[in-house]
Amino acid sequence: TDKPATFKVICTNVPMAPKVKPGSKDTWDGYSDERSAIYQFIADQKLPGVVILSADRHRSDAYKVDTEIEGMYPLFEFSSSRLTNQHVHKLIDHSLFGYNEKQSFGRVDFDLTVEDPTVKYTIINIDGKAIHDLTVKLSQLQFK
């Protein structure tokens, strides 16, 4: 169809949120100009409903990113990692939540059947227990 996707998902193998590992080339912190260009593209195109999926931090996190672009909504990033690895990275103070006690994965569920469609991110530990979750409504991902 010609109808645009309700949600647009950017997938990246490393975290895009700022200050996850400042200055490192192992996250988008090492490529801040390029990250800003992606944020600016979203703003220039007025793309609603963008969420980010990332990985590679040996813990699972959720972030709400203020791009500091006037009129742009905050971007939500869901970071899932450490399903089998024993190595642990410390939690990040500015994340909405994080989990590093056991191996875990993130599950992303989209509900397009409700009036205000949602995307839900759930961190599930290796024992199958839901640890944290965050539901974001499409109405939160709109330009002002």
N, C-alpha and C. Protein backbone atom coordinates (compact mmCIF):
# COMPACT_ATOMS: atom_id res chain seq x y z
N THR A 1 0.84 -1.19 0.00
CA THR A 1 0.00 0.00 0.00
C THR A 1 0.88 1.24 0.00
N ASP A 2 0.25 2.37 -0.22
CA ASP A 2 0.96 3.65 -0.18
C ASP A 2 0.95 4.26 1.21
N LYS A 3 0.30 3.61 2.15
CA LYS A 3 0.21 4.14 3.51
C LYS A 3 1.55 3.94 4.22
N PRO A 4 2.09 5.00 4.85
CA PRO A 4 3.37 4.85 5.56
C PRO A 4 3.22 3.95 6.79
N ALA A 5 4.31 3.35 7.20
CA ALA A 5 4.31 2.49 8.38
C ALA A 5 3.91 3.29 9.62
N THR A 6 3.17 2.67 10.50
CA THR A 6 2.77 3.32 11.74
C THR A 6 3.99 3.65 12.59
N PHE A 7 4.85 2.64 12.79
CA PHE A 7 6.11 2.83 13.50
C PHE A 7 7.26 2.61 12.53
N LYS A 8 8.31 3.39 12.68
CA LYS A 8 9.54 3.21 11.92
C LYS A 8 10.61 2.80 12.91
N VAL A 9 11.28 1.69 12.65
CA VAL A 9 12.25 1.13 13.59
C VAL A 9 13.65 1.24 13.02
N ILE A 10 14.52 1.94 13.74
CA ILE A 10 15.93 2.01 13.38
C ILE A 10 16.64 0.96 14.22
N CYS A 11 17.33 0.04 13.57
CA CYS A 11 18.09 -1.00 14.27
C CYS A 11 19.58 -0.72 14.12
N THR A 12 20.29 -0.78 15.22
CA THR A 12 21.72 -0.54 15.20
C THR A 12 22.39 -1.52 16.16
N ASN A 13 23.56 -1.97 15.78
CA ASN A 13 24.24 -3.00 16.58
C ASN A 13 24.86 -2.45 17.86
N VAL A 14 24.93 -1.14 18.00
CA VAL A 14 25.47 -0.51 19.22
C VAL A 14 24.52 0.61 19.65
N PRO A 15 24.57 1.02 20.93
CA PRO A 15 23.66 2.06 21.41
C PRO A 15 23.82 3.39 20.67
N MET A 16 22.69 4.02 20.40
CA MET A 16 22.67 5.32 19.75
C MET A 16 22.49 6.44 20.77
N ALA A 17 21.87 6.16 21.90
CA ALA A 17 21.61 7.17 22.92
C ALA A 17 22.92 7.82 23.38
N PRO A 18 22.92 9.13 23.58
CA PRO A 18 24.13 9.81 24.06
C PRO A 18 24.55 9.36 25.46
N LYS A 19 25.83 9.46 25.71
CA LYS A 19 26.44 9.22 27.02
C LYS A 19 26.31 7.78 27.52
N VAL A 20 26.19 6.84 26.60
CA VAL A 20 26.19 5.43 27.00
C VAL A 20 27.62 4.97 27.26
N LYS A 21 28.54 5.45 26.41
CA LYS A 21 29.97 5.19 26.60
C LYS A 21 30.70 6.36 25.92
N PRO A 22 30.73 7.54 26.56
CA PRO A 22 31.23 8.77 25.93
C PRO A 22 32.60 8.62 25.29
N GLY A 23 32.70 9.12 24.05
CA GLY A 23 33.96 9.14 23.32
C GLY A 23 34.35 7.83 22.68
N SER A 24 33.65 6.77 23.00
CA SER A 24 34.01 5.45 22.48
C SER A 24 33.53 5.26 21.05
N LYS A 25 34.33 4.60 20.24
CA LYS A 25 33.91 4.24 18.89
C LYS A 25 33.06 2.98 18.92
N ASP A 26 32.82 2.43 20.12
CA ASP A 26 32.03 1.22 20.30
C ASP A 26 30.54 1.54 20.48
N THR A 27 30.18 2.82 20.45
CA THR A 27 28.79 3.26 20.48
C THR A 27 28.69 4.47 19.54
N TRP A 28 27.49 5.00 19.37
CA TRP A 28 27.32 6.19 18.54
C TRP A 28 27.91 7.42 19.21
N ASP A 29 28.33 7.34 20.48
CA ASP A 29 29.01 8.47 21.12
C ASP A 29 30.28 8.84 20.35
N GLY A 30 30.90 7.87 19.72
CA GLY A 30 32.11 8.13 18.93
C GLY A 30 31.80 8.70 17.56
N TYR A 31 30.53 8.79 17.22
CA TYR A 31 30.09 9.29 15.91
C TYR A 31 28.95 10.28 16.10
N SER A 32 29.17 11.25 16.97
CA SER A 32 28.08 12.17 17.35
C SER A 32 27.58 13.01 16.18
N ASP A 33 28.46 13.39 15.25
CA ASP A 33 28.01 14.17 14.09
C ASP A 33 27.07 13.34 13.21
N GLU A 34 27.41 12.08 13.02
CA GLU A 34 26.58 11.19 12.21
C GLU A 34 25.25 10.92 12.91
N ARG A 35 25.29 10.74 14.22
CA ARG A 35 24.06 10.54 14.99
C ARG A 35 23.16 11.77 14.86
N SER A 36 23.75 12.95 14.99
CA SER A 36 22.98 14.19 14.85
C SER A 36 22.37 14.30 13.46
N ALA A 37 23.09 13.85 12.44
CA ALA A 37 22.57 13.89 11.07
C ALA A 37 21.35 12.98 10.92
N ILE A 38 21.36 11.84 11.57
CA ILE A 38 20.20 10.94 11.53
C ILE A 38 19.02 11.59 12.24
N TYR A 39 19.26 12.16 13.42
CA TYR A 39 18.19 12.86 14.13
C TYR A 39 17.63 14.00 13.27
N GLN A 40 18.52 14.75 12.62
CA GLN A 40 18.08 15.87 11.79
C GLN A 40 17.27 15.38 10.59
N PHE A 41 17.65 14.25 10.01
CA PHE A 41 16.89 13.68 8.89
C PHE A 41 15.47 13.34 9.34
N ILE A 42 15.33 12.74 10.51
CA ILE A 42 14.00 12.41 11.04
C ILE A 42 13.18 13.69 11.18
N ALA A 43 13.81 14.75 11.70
CA ALA A 43 13.13 16.03 11.89
C ALA A 43 12.79 16.68 10.55
N ASP A 44 13.75 16.70 9.62
CA ASP A 44 13.52 17.33 8.32
C ASP A 44 12.39 16.65 7.55
N GLN A 45 12.32 15.33 7.66
CA GLN A 45 11.29 14.56 6.96
C GLN A 45 9.98 14.49 7.76
N LYS A 46 10.03 15.01 9.00
CA LYS A 46 8.87 14.96 9.91
C LYS A 46 8.31 13.53 10.01
N LEU A 47 9.21 12.59 10.29
CA LEU A 47 8.83 11.18 10.40
C LEU A 47 8.27 10.90 11.79
N PRO A 48 6.98 10.61 11.90
CA PRO A 48 6.42 10.25 13.20
C PRO A 48 6.71 8.78 13.51
N GLY A 49 6.61 8.42 14.77
CA GLY A 49 6.63 7.01 15.15
C GLY A 49 7.97 6.31 15.08
N VAL A 50 9.08 7.03 15.20
CA VAL A 50 10.40 6.40 15.12
C VAL A 50 10.81 5.89 16.50
N VAL A 51 11.25 4.63 16.55
CA VAL A 51 11.86 4.05 17.75
C VAL A 51 13.17 3.40 17.33
N ILE A 52 14.06 3.21 18.30
CA ILE A 52 15.39 2.68 18.02
C ILE A 52 15.59 1.39 18.81
N LEU A 53 16.12 0.37 18.13
CA LEU A 53 16.52 -0.88 18.77
C LEU A 53 18.03 -0.98 18.68
N SER A 54 18.69 -1.29 19.80
CA SER A 54 20.15 -1.41 19.80
C SER A 54 20.58 -2.56 20.70
N ALA A 55 21.89 -2.76 20.75
CA ALA A 55 22.44 -3.89 21.53
C ALA A 55 23.89 -3.61 21.91
N ASP A 56 24.60 -4.65 22.34
CA ASP A 56 26.05 -4.68 22.54
C ASP A 56 26.55 -4.02 23.81
N ARG A 57 25.78 -3.96 24.87
CA ARG A 57 26.28 -3.34 26.10
C ARG A 57 26.34 -4.30 27.28
N HIS A 58 26.07 -5.56 27.10
CA HIS A 58 26.14 -6.55 28.19
C HIS A 58 25.20 -6.20 29.34
N ARG A 59 24.08 -5.61 28.99
CA ARG A 59 22.96 -5.33 29.89
C ARG A 59 21.81 -4.91 28.98
N SER A 60 20.62 -4.78 29.52
CA SER A 60 19.46 -4.31 28.75
C SER A 60 18.97 -3.01 29.36
N ASP A 61 18.64 -2.04 28.50
CA ASP A 61 18.27 -0.69 28.95
C ASP A 61 17.12 -0.14 28.12
N ALA A 62 16.55 0.95 28.62
CA ALA A 62 15.62 1.79 27.86
C ALA A 62 16.03 3.24 28.07
N TYR A 63 15.98 4.01 26.99
CA TYR A 63 16.36 5.42 27.04
C TYR A 63 15.28 6.28 26.41
N LYS A 64 15.17 7.50 26.91
CA LYS A 64 14.35 8.54 26.29
C LYS A 64 15.32 9.66 25.94
N VAL A 65 15.47 9.91 24.65
CA VAL A 65 16.50 10.84 24.16
C VAL A 65 15.87 12.14 23.68
N ASP A 66 16.30 13.24 24.27
CA ASP A 66 15.94 14.57 23.79
C ASP A 66 16.98 14.96 22.75
N THR A 67 16.56 15.03 21.49
CA THR A 67 17.50 15.35 20.41
C THR A 67 17.88 16.83 20.40
N GLU A 68 17.17 17.64 21.17
CA GLU A 68 17.37 19.09 21.22
C GLU A 68 17.06 19.77 19.88
N ILE A 69 16.26 19.09 19.06
CA ILE A 69 15.80 19.69 17.81
C ILE A 69 14.41 20.25 18.07
N GLU A 70 14.24 21.54 17.82
CA GLU A 70 12.98 22.21 18.12
C GLU A 70 11.81 21.53 17.44
N GLY A 71 10.76 21.25 18.23
CA GLY A 71 9.54 20.66 17.71
C GLY A 71 9.57 19.15 17.58
N MET A 72 10.74 18.54 17.78
CA MET A 72 10.84 17.08 17.62
C MET A 72 10.50 16.38 18.93
N TYR A 73 9.83 15.28 18.80
CA TYR A 73 9.48 14.46 19.96
C TYR A 73 10.72 13.72 20.47
N PRO A 74 10.72 13.29 21.74
CA PRO A 74 11.85 12.50 22.23
C PRO A 74 11.86 11.12 21.57
N LEU A 75 13.05 10.60 21.33
CA LEU A 75 13.19 9.27 20.75
C LEU A 75 13.36 8.24 21.87
N PHE A 76 12.70 7.13 21.73
CA PHE A 76 12.85 6.04 22.69
C PHE A 76 13.75 4.98 22.08
N GLU A 77 14.72 4.53 22.88
CA GLU A 77 15.65 3.50 22.44
C GLU A 77 15.55 2.31 23.38
N PHE A 78 15.42 1.14 22.79
CA PHE A 78 15.35 -0.11 23.53
C PHE A 78 16.62 -0.89 23.23
N SER A 79 17.40 -1.15 24.26
CA SER A 79 18.70 -1.81 24.08
C SER A 79 18.68 -3.17 24.77
N SER A 80 18.95 -4.20 23.99
CA SER A 80 18.88 -5.57 24.50
C SER A 80 20.20 -6.28 24.27
N SER A 81 20.74 -6.87 25.30
CA SER A 81 22.03 -7.57 25.16
C SER A 81 22.23 -8.59 26.26
N ARG A 82 23.33 -9.31 26.10
CA ARG A 82 23.84 -10.21 27.12
C ARG A 82 22.96 -11.44 27.33
N LEU A 83 22.55 -12.07 26.26
CA LEU A 83 21.75 -13.28 26.40
C LEU A 83 22.59 -14.46 26.89
N THR A 84 23.84 -14.55 26.46
CA THR A 84 24.68 -15.69 26.86
C THR A 84 25.95 -15.28 27.58
N ASN A 85 26.40 -14.05 27.41
CA ASN A 85 27.68 -13.61 27.97
C ASN A 85 27.61 -13.45 29.48
N GLN A 86 28.66 -13.83 30.18
CA GLN A 86 28.73 -13.66 31.63
C GLN A 86 29.26 -12.27 32.02
N HIS A 87 29.98 -11.61 31.12
CA HIS A 87 30.55 -10.28 31.38
C HIS A 87 29.42 -9.27 31.55
N VAL A 88 29.55 -8.38 32.52
CA VAL A 88 28.49 -7.42 32.84
C VAL A 88 29.01 -5.99 32.70
N HIS A 89 28.22 -5.12 32.09
CA HIS A 89 28.49 -3.68 32.09
C HIS A 89 27.61 -3.04 33.16
N LYS A 90 28.14 -2.00 33.79
CA LYS A 90 27.38 -1.31 34.84
C LYS A 90 26.16 -0.62 34.25
N LEU A 91 25.19 -0.36 35.12
CA LEU A 91 23.98 0.33 34.70
C LEU A 91 24.28 1.81 34.45
N ILE A 92 23.46 2.45 33.64
CA ILE A 92 23.62 3.85 33.27
C ILE A 92 22.58 4.68 34.03
N ASP A 93 23.05 5.70 34.74
CA ASP A 93 22.16 6.52 35.57
C ASP A 93 21.04 7.19 34.79
N HIS A 94 21.32 7.63 33.56
CA HIS A 94 20.31 8.39 32.83
C HIS A 94 19.38 7.51 31.98
N SER A 95 19.49 6.19 32.10
CA SER A 95 18.53 5.33 31.40
C SER A 95 17.20 5.37 32.14
N LEU A 96 16.12 5.07 31.44
CA LEU A 96 14.82 4.98 32.11
C LEU A 96 14.82 3.80 33.07
N PHE A 97 15.43 2.71 32.64
CA PHE A 97 15.68 1.55 33.47
C PHE A 97 16.72 0.68 32.79
N GLY A 98 17.32 -0.18 33.57
CA GLY A 98 18.31 -1.11 33.04
C GLY A 98 18.33 -2.37 33.87
N TYR A 99 18.95 -3.40 33.31
CA TYR A 99 19.02 -4.68 34.01
C TYR A 99 20.32 -5.38 33.62
N ASN A 100 21.08 -5.81 34.65
CA ASN A 100 22.33 -6.52 34.38
C ASN A 100 22.58 -7.66 35.38
N GLU A 101 21.57 -8.01 36.16
CA GLU A 101 21.77 -9.04 37.19
C GLU A 101 21.94 -10.43 36.61
N LYS A 102 21.22 -10.72 35.54
CA LYS A 102 21.32 -12.01 34.85
C LYS A 102 21.27 -11.74 33.35
N GLN A 103 21.55 -12.77 32.56
CA GLN A 103 21.38 -12.63 31.13
C GLN A 103 19.91 -12.30 30.84
N SER A 104 19.70 -11.58 29.74
CA SER A 104 18.35 -11.15 29.43
C SER A 104 18.22 -10.88 27.94
N PHE A 105 16.98 -10.68 27.53
CA PHE A 105 16.71 -10.24 26.16
C PHE A 105 15.55 -9.27 26.21
N GLY A 106 15.37 -8.53 25.13
CA GLY A 106 14.26 -7.60 25.04
C GLY A 106 13.23 -8.09 24.05
N ARG A 107 11.98 -7.99 24.42
CA ARG A 107 10.88 -8.34 23.51
C ARG A 107 10.16 -7.05 23.15
N VAL A 108 9.87 -6.88 21.87
CA VAL A 108 9.18 -5.70 21.39
C VAL A 108 7.84 -6.14 20.80
N ASP A 109 6.76 -5.57 21.33
CA ASP A 109 5.41 -5.89 20.87
C ASP A 109 4.75 -4.63 20.35
N PHE A 110 4.16 -4.72 19.18
CA PHE A 110 3.42 -3.61 18.59
C PHE A 110 1.93 -3.94 18.65
N ASP A 111 1.13 -2.98 19.08
CA ASP A 111 -0.32 -3.15 19.06
C ASP A 111 -0.90 -2.05 18.18
N LEU A 112 -1.30 -2.46 16.99
CA LEU A 112 -1.86 -1.51 16.02
C LEU A 112 -3.38 -1.56 16.02
N THR A 113 -3.97 -2.35 16.93
CA THR A 113 -5.42 -2.51 16.96
C THR A 113 -6.11 -1.47 17.83
N VAL A 114 -5.34 -0.76 18.65
CA VAL A 114 -5.94 0.24 19.55
C VAL A 114 -5.98 1.60 18.87
N GLU A 115 -6.80 2.49 19.41
CA GLU A 115 -6.96 3.82 18.80
C GLU A 115 -5.64 4.57 18.71
N ASP A 116 -4.84 4.50 19.77
CA ASP A 116 -3.51 5.12 19.80
C ASP A 116 -2.49 3.97 19.83
N PRO A 117 -2.01 3.52 18.67
CA PRO A 117 -1.12 2.35 18.61
C PRO A 117 0.06 2.47 19.56
N THR A 118 0.54 1.31 20.02
CA THR A 118 1.62 1.28 21.01
C THR A 118 2.75 0.35 20.58
N VAL A 119 3.92 0.63 21.14
CA VAL A 119 5.05 -0.29 21.08
C VAL A 119 5.46 -0.51 22.54
N LYS A 120 5.62 -1.78 22.89
CA LYS A 120 5.97 -2.13 24.27
C LYS A 120 7.30 -2.89 24.25
N TYR A 121 8.22 -2.44 25.09
CA TYR A 121 9.52 -3.10 25.25
C TYR A 121 9.55 -3.75 26.62
N THR A 122 9.86 -5.04 26.65
CA THR A 122 9.93 -5.80 27.90
C THR A 122 11.29 -6.47 28.00
N ILE A 123 11.97 -6.27 29.13
CA ILE A 123 13.21 -6.99 29.41
C ILE A 123 12.82 -8.28 30.13
N ILE A 124 13.27 -9.40 29.58
CA ILE A 124 12.98 -10.72 30.15
C ILE A 124 14.30 -11.39 30.49
N ASN A 125 14.42 -11.85 31.74
CA ASN A 125 15.69 -12.48 32.11
C ASN A 125 15.74 -13.93 31.63
N ILE A 126 16.89 -14.54 31.79
CA ILE A 126 17.12 -15.89 31.27
C ILE A 126 16.20 -16.93 31.91
N ASP A 127 15.61 -16.58 33.06
CA ASP A 127 14.65 -17.47 33.72
C ASP A 127 13.23 -17.29 33.19
N GLY A 128 13.06 -16.37 32.23
CA GLY A 128 11.74 -16.12 31.65
C GLY A 128 10.90 -15.12 32.41
N LYS A 129 11.50 -14.43 33.38
CA LYS A 129 10.77 -13.45 34.19
C LYS A 129 10.84 -12.07 33.55
N ALA A 130 9.69 -11.42 33.39
CA ALA A 130 9.65 -10.04 32.90
C ALA A 130 10.15 -9.13 34.01
N ILE A 131 11.19 -8.36 33.73
CA ILE A 131 11.84 -7.53 34.74
C ILE A 131 11.35 -6.09 34.68
N HIS A 132 11.40 -5.49 33.52
CA HIS A 132 10.96 -4.10 33.31
C HIS A 132 10.18 -4.07 32.00
N ASP A 133 9.28 -3.08 31.88
CA ASP A 133 8.65 -2.85 30.59
C ASP A 133 8.30 -1.38 30.45
N LEU A 134 8.16 -0.99 29.21
CA LEU A 134 7.84 0.39 28.87
C LEU A 134 6.91 0.37 27.66
N THR A 135 5.79 1.05 27.77
CA THR A 135 4.87 1.17 26.65
C THR A 135 4.89 2.62 26.16
N VAL A 136 5.09 2.78 24.87
CA VAL A 136 5.11 4.11 24.25
C VAL A 136 3.96 4.18 23.25
N LYS A 137 3.18 5.24 23.35
CA LYS A 137 2.06 5.44 22.44
C LYS A 137 2.51 6.22 21.21
N LEU A 138 1.88 5.95 20.10
CA LEU A 138 2.19 6.67 18.87
C LEU A 138 2.01 8.18 19.07
N SER A 139 1.05 8.56 19.88
CA SER A 139 0.81 9.99 20.13
C SER A 139 2.00 10.67 20.81
N GLN A 140 2.88 9.89 21.46
CA GLN A 140 4.09 10.44 22.07
C GLN A 140 5.20 10.66 21.05
N LEU A 141 5.01 10.12 19.86
CA LEU A 141 6.06 10.15 18.83
C LEU A 141 5.61 10.99 17.64
N GLN A 142 5.08 12.17 17.95
CA GLN A 142 4.57 13.10 16.94
C GLN A 142 5.25 14.45 17.08
N PHE A 143 5.41 15.13 15.96
CA PHE A 143 6.00 16.47 15.98
C PHE A 143 4.99 17.48 16.52
N LYS A 144 5.53 18.51 17.18
CA LYS A 144 4.69 19.57 17.76
C LYS A 144 4.31 20.57 16.71
